[in-house]
Amino acid sequence: MAIRAFLFDFDGLILDTETASRAGWEWLYRRHGQELPQEKWAQVVGTSGAWDPMTDLEELVGEPIERAALNELRYAHEISLIEAEELRPGIAEYLAAAELHGLKRAIVSSASRRWIDEHLTRLERAVGWHAILTADGDHERAKPRPTMYLEALDFLDVAADEAVVFEDSPNGVRAAKAAGIFVVAVPNAVTRDYGLDEADLVVGSLADLPPDELLARFS
């Protein structure tokens, strides 16, 4: 069956926010003489509510910390790094190919709609999407649950075998596979060591896999 839709994760896939996010928390931990536990950080990538680094830091420090003020500083550090980021390699080509072939395009993310809109606007990519589905703090809808991918299929009116998902994290891959969709995993600097072998296909960069070559697999 021919492919009719491309479904993209956002953080770490379209835009490498993951490196900056981890760096922000590493900065905050080191400010308190601690190290961000990488095995715990791996749990939160691609989802929400899995682990609370602020609570963990307080436990390591052994006393309450100024959460609001410190989180504001951490966030400012993170944003300063993200603002230097552009679309990850191959993304622009895949969006252009989707438009050329008349494929539907959607973003499916565990983040908030406001977060995604802000970055899409900066990148001048706010238009051209048929759907943007976000968890917006609802942990019951966040990946690795398949909820949002199933919602995307329903909204776009495509079957699971008519879509391809692009993901960068194990949580994202599991969500898409649970929805019955073919998954291309594209790791980034943070997720390349997490193990994405549950995906149907793993590529170092979408720039290494031309869109027409991928589509030819389904023709």
C-alpha atoms as a PDB file:
ATOM      1  CA  MET A   1       0.000   0.000   0.000  1.00  0.00           C
ATOM      2  CA  ALA A   2       1.333   3.445  -0.874  1.00  0.00           C
ATOM      3  CA  ILE A   3       2.374   5.827   1.875  1.00  0.00           C
ATOM      4  CA  ARG A   4       0.003   8.754   2.408  1.00  0.00           C
ATOM      5  CA  ALA A   5       1.417  10.453   5.505  1.00  0.00           C
ATOM      6  CA  PHE A   6       4.665  11.351   7.269  1.00  0.00           C
ATOM      7  CA  LEU A   7       4.400  11.700  11.054  1.00  0.00           C
ATOM      8  CA  PHE A   8       7.268  13.500  12.761  1.00  0.00           C
ATOM      9  CA  ASP A   9       8.326  13.716  16.364  1.00  0.00           C
ATOM     10  CA  PHE A  10       9.560  17.216  17.231  1.00  0.00           C
ATOM     11  CA  ASP A  11      12.159  17.457  20.006  1.00  0.00           C
ATOM     12  CA  GLY A  12      15.409  15.874  18.891  1.00  0.00           C
ATOM     13  CA  LEU A  13      13.980  14.918  15.490  1.00  0.00           C
ATOM     14  CA  ILE A  14      12.942  18.088  13.674  1.00  0.00           C
ATOM     15  CA  LEU A  15      15.016  20.314  15.945  1.00  0.00           C
ATOM     16  CA  ASP A  16      17.777  19.145  18.270  1.00  0.00           C
ATOM     17  CA  THR A  17      16.397  20.487  21.514  1.00  0.00           C
ATOM     18  CA  GLU A  18      17.495  17.361  23.373  1.00  0.00           C
ATOM     19  CA  THR A  19      21.173  18.310  23.554  1.00  0.00           C
ATOM     20  CA  ALA A  20      20.328  21.754  24.942  1.00  0.00           C
ATOM     21  CA  SER A  21      17.787  20.360  27.401  1.00  0.00           C
ATOM     22  CA  ARG A  22      20.268  17.898  28.854  1.00  0.00           C
ATOM     23  CA  ALA A  23      22.967  20.587  28.961  1.00  0.00           C
ATOM     24  CA  GLY A  24      20.646  22.868  30.939  1.00  0.00           C
ATOM     25  CA  TRP A  25      20.064  20.253  33.601  1.00  0.00           C
ATOM     26  CA  GLU A  26      23.740  19.271  33.672  1.00  0.00           C
ATOM     27  CA  TRP A  27      24.560  22.927  34.312  1.00  0.00           C
ATOM     28  CA  LEU A  28      22.078  23.083  37.194  1.00  0.00           C
ATOM     29  CA  TYR A  29      23.321  19.855  38.796  1.00  0.00           C
ATOM     30  CA  ARG A  30      26.962  20.932  38.577  1.00  0.00           C
ATOM     31  CA  ARG A  31      26.080  24.287  40.105  1.00  0.00           C
ATOM     32  CA  HIS A  32      25.183  22.220  43.174  1.00  0.00           C
ATOM     33  CA  GLY A  33      28.220  19.942  42.981  1.00  0.00           C
ATOM     34  CA  GLN A  34      26.279  17.039  41.487  1.00  0.00           C
ATOM     35  CA  GLU A  35      26.148  15.154  38.190  1.00  0.00           C
ATOM     36  CA  LEU A  36      22.978  14.557  36.215  1.00  0.00           C
ATOM     37  CA  PRO A  37      22.305  10.780  36.334  1.00  0.00           C
ATOM     38  CA  GLN A  38      22.322   9.830  32.663  1.00  0.00           C
ATOM     39  CA  GLU A  39      20.467   6.548  33.174  1.00  0.00           C
ATOM     40  CA  LYS A  40      17.571   8.442  34.758  1.00  0.00           C
ATOM     41  CA  TRP A  41      17.673  11.203  32.143  1.00  0.00           C
ATOM     42  CA  ALA A  42      17.207   8.548  29.454  1.00  0.00           C
ATOM     43  CA  GLN A  43      13.778   7.816  30.958  1.00  0.00           C
ATOM     44  CA  VAL A  44      12.430  11.316  30.261  1.00  0.00           C
ATOM     45  CA  VAL A  45      13.514  11.735  26.640  1.00  0.00           C
ATOM     46  CA  GLY A  46      10.481  11.634  24.365  1.00  0.00           C
ATOM     47  CA  THR A  47       7.920  11.516  27.163  1.00  0.00           C
ATOM     48  CA  SER A  48       6.710  13.478  30.193  1.00  0.00           C
ATOM     49  CA  GLY A  49       6.235  12.717  33.859  1.00  0.00           C
ATOM     50  CA  ALA A  50       8.610   9.767  33.927  1.00  0.00           C
ATOM     51  CA  TRP A  51      11.109  11.324  36.346  1.00  0.00           C
ATOM     52  CA  ASP A  52      11.531  14.658  38.133  1.00  0.00           C
ATOM     53  CA  PRO A  53      15.147  15.920  38.006  1.00  0.00           C
ATOM     54  CA  MET A  54      14.409  18.839  40.352  1.00  0.00           C
ATOM     55  CA  THR A  55      13.216  16.496  43.087  1.00  0.00           C
ATOM     56  CA  ASP A  56      16.209  14.266  42.471  1.00  0.00           C
ATOM     57  CA  LEU A  57      18.571  17.230  42.793  1.00  0.00           C
ATOM     58  CA  GLU A  58      16.974  18.271  46.075  1.00  0.00           C
ATOM     59  CA  GLU A  59      17.454  14.763  47.418  1.00  0.00           C
ATOM     60  CA  LEU A  60      21.104  14.784  46.392  1.00  0.00           C
ATOM     61  CA  VAL A  61      21.704  18.211  47.953  1.00  0.00           C
ATOM     62  CA  GLY A  62      19.867  17.170  51.085  1.00  0.00           C
ATOM     63  CA  GLU A  63      17.805  20.328  51.482  1.00  0.00           C
ATOM     64  CA  PRO A  64      15.176  22.383  49.636  1.00  0.00           C
ATOM     65  CA  ILE A  65      16.422  24.550  46.769  1.00  0.00           C
ATOM     66  CA  GLU A  66      14.978  27.669  45.177  1.00  0.00           C
ATOM     67  CA  ARG A  67      13.112  25.755  42.495  1.00  0.00           C
ATOM     68  CA  ALA A  68      11.435  28.605  40.634  1.00  0.00           C
ATOM     69  CA  ALA A  69      14.499  30.857  40.415  1.00  0.00           C
ATOM     70  CA  LEU A  70      16.862  28.034  39.508  1.00  0.00           C
ATOM     71  CA  ASN A  71      14.503  26.614  36.921  1.00  0.00           C
ATOM     72  CA  GLU A  72      14.266  30.039  35.290  1.00  0.00           C
ATOM     73  CA  LEU A  73      18.067  30.200  35.060  1.00  0.00           C
ATOM     74  CA  ARG A  74      18.235  26.647  33.702  1.00  0.00           C
ATOM     75  CA  TYR A  75      15.574  27.384  31.106  1.00  0.00           C
ATOM     76  CA  ALA A  76      17.369  30.543  29.967  1.00  0.00           C
ATOM     77  CA  HIS A  77      20.560  28.537  29.510  1.00  0.00           C
ATOM     78  CA  GLU A  78      18.674  25.895  27.520  1.00  0.00           C
ATOM     79  CA  ILE A  79      16.941  28.419  25.263  1.00  0.00           C
ATOM     80  CA  SER A  80      20.198  30.225  24.513  1.00  0.00           C
ATOM     81  CA  LEU A  81      21.533  26.962  23.088  1.00  0.00           C
ATOM     82  CA  ILE A  82      18.377  26.011  21.200  1.00  0.00           C
ATOM     83  CA  GLU A  83      18.166  29.366  19.441  1.00  0.00           C
ATOM     84  CA  ALA A  84      21.377  28.495  17.610  1.00  0.00           C
ATOM     85  CA  GLU A  85      19.841  25.287  16.236  1.00  0.00           C
ATOM     86  CA  GLU A  86      18.310  24.880  12.779  1.00  0.00           C
ATOM     87  CA  LEU A  87      16.316  22.044  11.234  1.00  0.00           C
ATOM     88  CA  ARG A  88      18.133  18.745  11.554  1.00  0.00           C
ATOM     89  CA  PRO A  89      19.692  17.433   8.316  1.00  0.00           C
ATOM     90  CA  GLY A  90      17.216  15.949   5.862  1.00  0.00           C
ATOM     91  CA  ILE A  91      14.079  17.381   7.478  1.00  0.00           C
ATOM     92  CA  ALA A  92      13.596  20.142   4.892  1.00  0.00           C
ATOM     93  CA  GLU A  93      14.021  17.611   2.077  1.00  0.00           C
ATOM     94  CA  TYR A  94      11.436  15.274   3.603  1.00  0.00           C
ATOM     95  CA  LEU A  95       8.925  18.089   4.040  1.00  0.00           C
ATOM     96  CA  ALA A  96       9.485  19.168   0.439  1.00  0.00           C
ATOM     97  CA  ALA A  97       9.078  15.592  -0.797  1.00  0.00           C
ATOM     98  CA  ALA A  98       5.868  15.187   1.196  1.00  0.00           C
ATOM     99  CA  GLU A  99       4.444  18.313  -0.402  1.00  0.00           C
ATOM    100  CA  LEU A 100       5.573  17.200  -3.865  1.00  0.00           C
ATOM    101  CA  HIS A 101       3.926  13.785  -3.507  1.00  0.00           C
ATOM    102  CA  GLY A 102       0.813  15.094  -1.789  1.00  0.00           C
ATOM    103  CA  LEU A 103       1.523  13.342   1.516  1.00  0.00           C
ATOM    104  CA  LYS A 104      -0.074  14.544   4.714  1.00  0.00           C
ATOM    105  CA  ARG A 105       2.335  15.932   7.316  1.00  0.00           C
ATOM    106  CA  ALA A 106       1.893  15.903  11.088  1.00  0.00           C
ATOM    107  CA  ILE A 107       3.875  16.509  14.248  1.00  0.00           C
ATOM    108  CA  VAL A 108       3.227  14.139  17.148  1.00  0.00           C
ATOM    109  CA  SER A 109       4.974  15.202  20.339  1.00  0.00           C
ATOM    110  CA  SER A 110       4.935  14.688  24.104  1.00  0.00           C
ATOM    111  CA  ALA A 111       5.790  18.384  24.488  1.00  0.00           C
ATOM    112  CA  SER A 112       3.392  21.346  24.610  1.00  0.00           C
ATOM    113  CA  ARG A 113       1.786  23.021  21.614  1.00  0.00           C
ATOM    114  CA  ARG A 114       3.133  26.392  22.745  1.00  0.00           C
ATOM    115  CA  TRP A 115       6.719  25.051  22.795  1.00  0.00           C
ATOM    116  CA  ILE A 116       6.419  23.658  19.288  1.00  0.00           C
ATOM    117  CA  ASP A 117       4.687  26.732  17.864  1.00  0.00           C
ATOM    118  CA  GLU A 118       7.411  29.019  19.234  1.00  0.00           C
ATOM    119  CA  HIS A 119      10.180  27.066  17.536  1.00  0.00           C
ATOM    120  CA  LEU A 120       8.304  26.479  14.281  1.00  0.00           C
ATOM    121  CA  THR A 121       7.673  30.205  14.041  1.00  0.00           C
ATOM    122  CA  ARG A 122      11.365  30.977  14.572  1.00  0.00           C
ATOM    123  CA  LEU A 123      12.292  28.438  11.906  1.00  0.00           C
ATOM    124  CA  GLU A 124       9.622  29.813   9.548  1.00  0.00           C
ATOM    125  CA  ARG A 125       7.964  26.380   9.460  1.00  0.00           C
ATOM    126  CA  ALA A 126       4.695  27.173  11.206  1.00  0.00           C
ATOM    127  CA  VAL A 127       2.582  26.451   8.106  1.00  0.00           C
ATOM    128  CA  GLY A 128       2.299  23.348   5.980  1.00  0.00           C
ATOM    129  CA  TRP A 129       1.200  20.889   8.679  1.00  0.00           C
ATOM    130  CA  HIS A 130      -2.047  18.970   8.439  1.00  0.00           C
ATOM    131  CA  ALA A 131      -2.012  18.263  12.183  1.00  0.00           C
ATOM    132  CA  ILE A 132       0.033  18.958  15.303  1.00  0.00           C
ATOM    133  CA  LEU A 133      -0.761  16.708  18.260  1.00  0.00           C
ATOM    134  CA  THR A 134       0.811  17.373  21.659  1.00  0.00           C
ATOM    135  CA  ALA A 135       0.513  15.936  25.164  1.00  0.00           C
ATOM    136  CA  ASP A 136       0.488  19.362  26.853  1.00  0.00           C
ATOM    137  CA  GLY A 137       1.359  17.952  30.263  1.00  0.00           C
ATOM    138  CA  ASP A 138      -1.101  15.059  30.109  1.00  0.00           C
ATOM    139  CA  HIS A 139       1.130  12.150  31.081  1.00  0.00           C
ATOM    140  CA  GLU A 140      -1.580   9.652  30.129  1.00  0.00           C
ATOM    141  CA  ARG A 141      -1.347  10.748  26.471  1.00  0.00           C
ATOM    142  CA  ALA A 142       2.434  11.068  26.314  1.00  0.00           C
ATOM    143  CA  LYS A 143       4.666   8.518  24.636  1.00  0.00           C
ATOM    144  CA  PRO A 144       5.413   5.607  24.946  1.00  0.00           C
ATOM    145  CA  ARG A 145       1.648   5.288  24.902  1.00  0.00           C
ATOM    146  CA  PRO A 146       0.335   5.048  21.309  1.00  0.00           C
ATOM    147  CA  THR A 147      -2.556   7.440  22.028  1.00  0.00           C
ATOM    148  CA  MET A 148      -1.368  10.439  20.030  1.00  0.00           C
ATOM    149  CA  TYR A 149      -0.254   8.388  17.035  1.00  0.00           C
ATOM    150  CA  LEU A 150      -3.653   6.699  16.917  1.00  0.00           C
ATOM    151  CA  GLU A 151      -5.263  10.136  17.139  1.00  0.00           C
ATOM    152  CA  ALA A 152      -3.070  11.351  14.273  1.00  0.00           C
ATOM    153  CA  LEU A 153      -4.100   8.451  12.042  1.00  0.00           C
ATOM    154  CA  ASP A 154      -7.744   9.110  12.793  1.00  0.00           C
ATOM    155  CA  PHE A 155      -7.456  12.863  12.226  1.00  0.00           C
ATOM    156  CA  LEU A 156      -5.586  12.447   8.946  1.00  0.00           C
ATOM    157  CA  ASP A 157      -7.880   9.599   7.860  1.00  0.00           C
ATOM    158  CA  VAL A 158      -5.017   7.264   7.005  1.00  0.00           C
ATOM    159  CA  ALA A 159      -4.416   3.654   7.979  1.00  0.00           C
ATOM    160  CA  ALA A 160      -1.415   2.620  10.054  1.00  0.00           C
ATOM    161  CA  ASP A 161       0.207   0.937   7.042  1.00  0.00           C
ATOM    162  CA  GLU A 162      -0.205   4.138   5.018  1.00  0.00           C
ATOM    163  CA  ALA A 163       2.053   6.167   7.315  1.00  0.00           C
ATOM    164  CA  VAL A 164       5.702   6.434   8.284  1.00  0.00           C
ATOM    165  CA  VAL A 165       6.831   7.776  11.649  1.00  0.00           C
ATOM    166  CA  PHE A 166      10.174   9.507  12.237  1.00  0.00           C
ATOM    167  CA  GLU A 167      11.413   9.293  15.821  1.00  0.00           C
ATOM    168  CA  ASP A 168      14.625   9.831  17.793  1.00  0.00           C
ATOM    169  CA  SER A 169      13.922   8.169  21.166  1.00  0.00           C
ATOM    170  CA  PRO A 170      12.992   4.729  22.495  1.00  0.00           C
ATOM    171  CA  ASN A 171       9.797   6.150  24.027  1.00  0.00           C
ATOM    172  CA  GLY A 172       8.772   7.551  20.658  1.00  0.00           C
ATOM    173  CA  VAL A 173       9.631   4.383  18.774  1.00  0.00           C
ATOM    174  CA  ARG A 174       7.581   2.277  21.187  1.00  0.00           C
ATOM    175  CA  ALA A 175       4.579   4.581  20.858  1.00  0.00           C
ATOM    176  CA  ALA A 176       4.599   4.406  17.067  1.00  0.00           C
ATOM    177  CA  LYS A 177       5.145   0.648  16.977  1.00  0.00           C
ATOM    178  CA  ALA A 178       2.286   0.148  19.430  1.00  0.00           C
ATOM    179  CA  ALA A 179       0.110   2.064  16.970  1.00  0.00           C
ATOM    180  CA  GLY A 180       1.191  -0.341  14.211  1.00  0.00           C
ATOM    181  CA  ILE A 181       3.147   2.210  12.160  1.00  0.00           C
ATOM    182  CA  PHE A 182       6.462   1.764  10.320  1.00  0.00           C
ATOM    183  CA  VAL A 183       9.146   3.673  12.242  1.00  0.00           C
ATOM    184  CA  VAL A 184      12.361   5.267  11.009  1.00  0.00           C
ATOM    185  CA  ALA A 185      14.614   6.094  13.973  1.00  0.00           C
ATOM    186  CA  VAL A 186      17.036   8.989  13.611  1.00  0.00           C
ATOM    187  CA  PRO A 187      19.149   9.274  16.778  1.00  0.00           C
ATOM    188  CA  ASN A 188      20.750  12.506  17.908  1.00  0.00           C
ATOM    189  CA  ALA A 189      23.734  13.202  20.149  1.00  0.00           C
ATOM    190  CA  VAL A 190      21.671  12.391  23.247  1.00  0.00           C
ATOM    191  CA  THR A 191      19.818   9.287  22.031  1.00  0.00           C
ATOM    192  CA  ARG A 192      22.424   7.582  19.873  1.00  0.00           C
ATOM    193  CA  ASP A 193      23.462   5.383  22.810  1.00  0.00           C
ATOM    194  CA  TYR A 194      19.946   4.570  24.021  1.00  0.00           C
ATOM    195  CA  GLY A 195      19.286   1.707  21.651  1.00  0.00           C
ATOM    196  CA  LEU A 196      16.660   2.202  18.961  1.00  0.00           C
ATOM    197  CA  ASP A 197      16.611  -1.330  17.597  1.00  0.00           C
ATOM    198  CA  GLU A 198      12.846  -1.608  18.101  1.00  0.00           C
ATOM    199  CA  ALA A 199      12.440   0.677  15.072  1.00  0.00           C
ATOM    200  CA  ASP A 200      11.920  -0.801  11.609  1.00  0.00           C
ATOM    201  CA  LEU A 201      14.827   1.205  10.242  1.00  0.00           C
ATOM    202  CA  VAL A 202      17.617   3.178  11.928  1.00  0.00           C
ATOM    203  CA  VAL A 203      19.601   5.816  10.034  1.00  0.00           C
ATOM    204  CA  GLY A 204      22.320   8.131  11.281  1.00  0.00           C
ATOM    205  CA  SER A 205      20.683  11.062   9.506  1.00  0.00           C
ATOM    206  CA  LEU A 206      17.687  11.576   7.245  1.00  0.00           C
ATOM    207  CA  ALA A 207      20.158  13.219   4.871  1.00  0.00           C
ATOM    208  CA  ASP A 208      21.549   9.702   4.308  1.00  0.00           C
ATOM    209  CA  LEU A 209      18.167   8.350   3.193  1.00  0.00           C
ATOM    210  CA  PRO A 210      16.577  10.256   0.282  1.00  0.00           C
ATOM    211  CA  PRO A 211      12.774  10.470   0.634  1.00  0.00           C
ATOM    212  CA  ASP A 212      12.122   8.765  -2.704  1.00  0.00           C
ATOM    213  CA  GLU A 213      14.348   5.871  -1.668  1.00  0.00           C
ATOM    214  CA  LEU A 214      12.291   5.390   1.478  1.00  0.00           C
ATOM    215  CA  LEU A 215       8.985   5.660  -0.394  1.00  0.00           C
ATOM    216  CA  ALA A 216      10.190   3.125  -2.943  1.00  0.00           C
ATOM    217  CA  ARG A 217      10.229   0.514  -0.173  1.00  0.00           C
ATOM    218  CA  PHE A 218       6.424   0.699  -0.038  1.00  0.00           C
ATOM    219  CA  SER A 219       5.605   0.932  -3.729  1.00  0.00           C
END
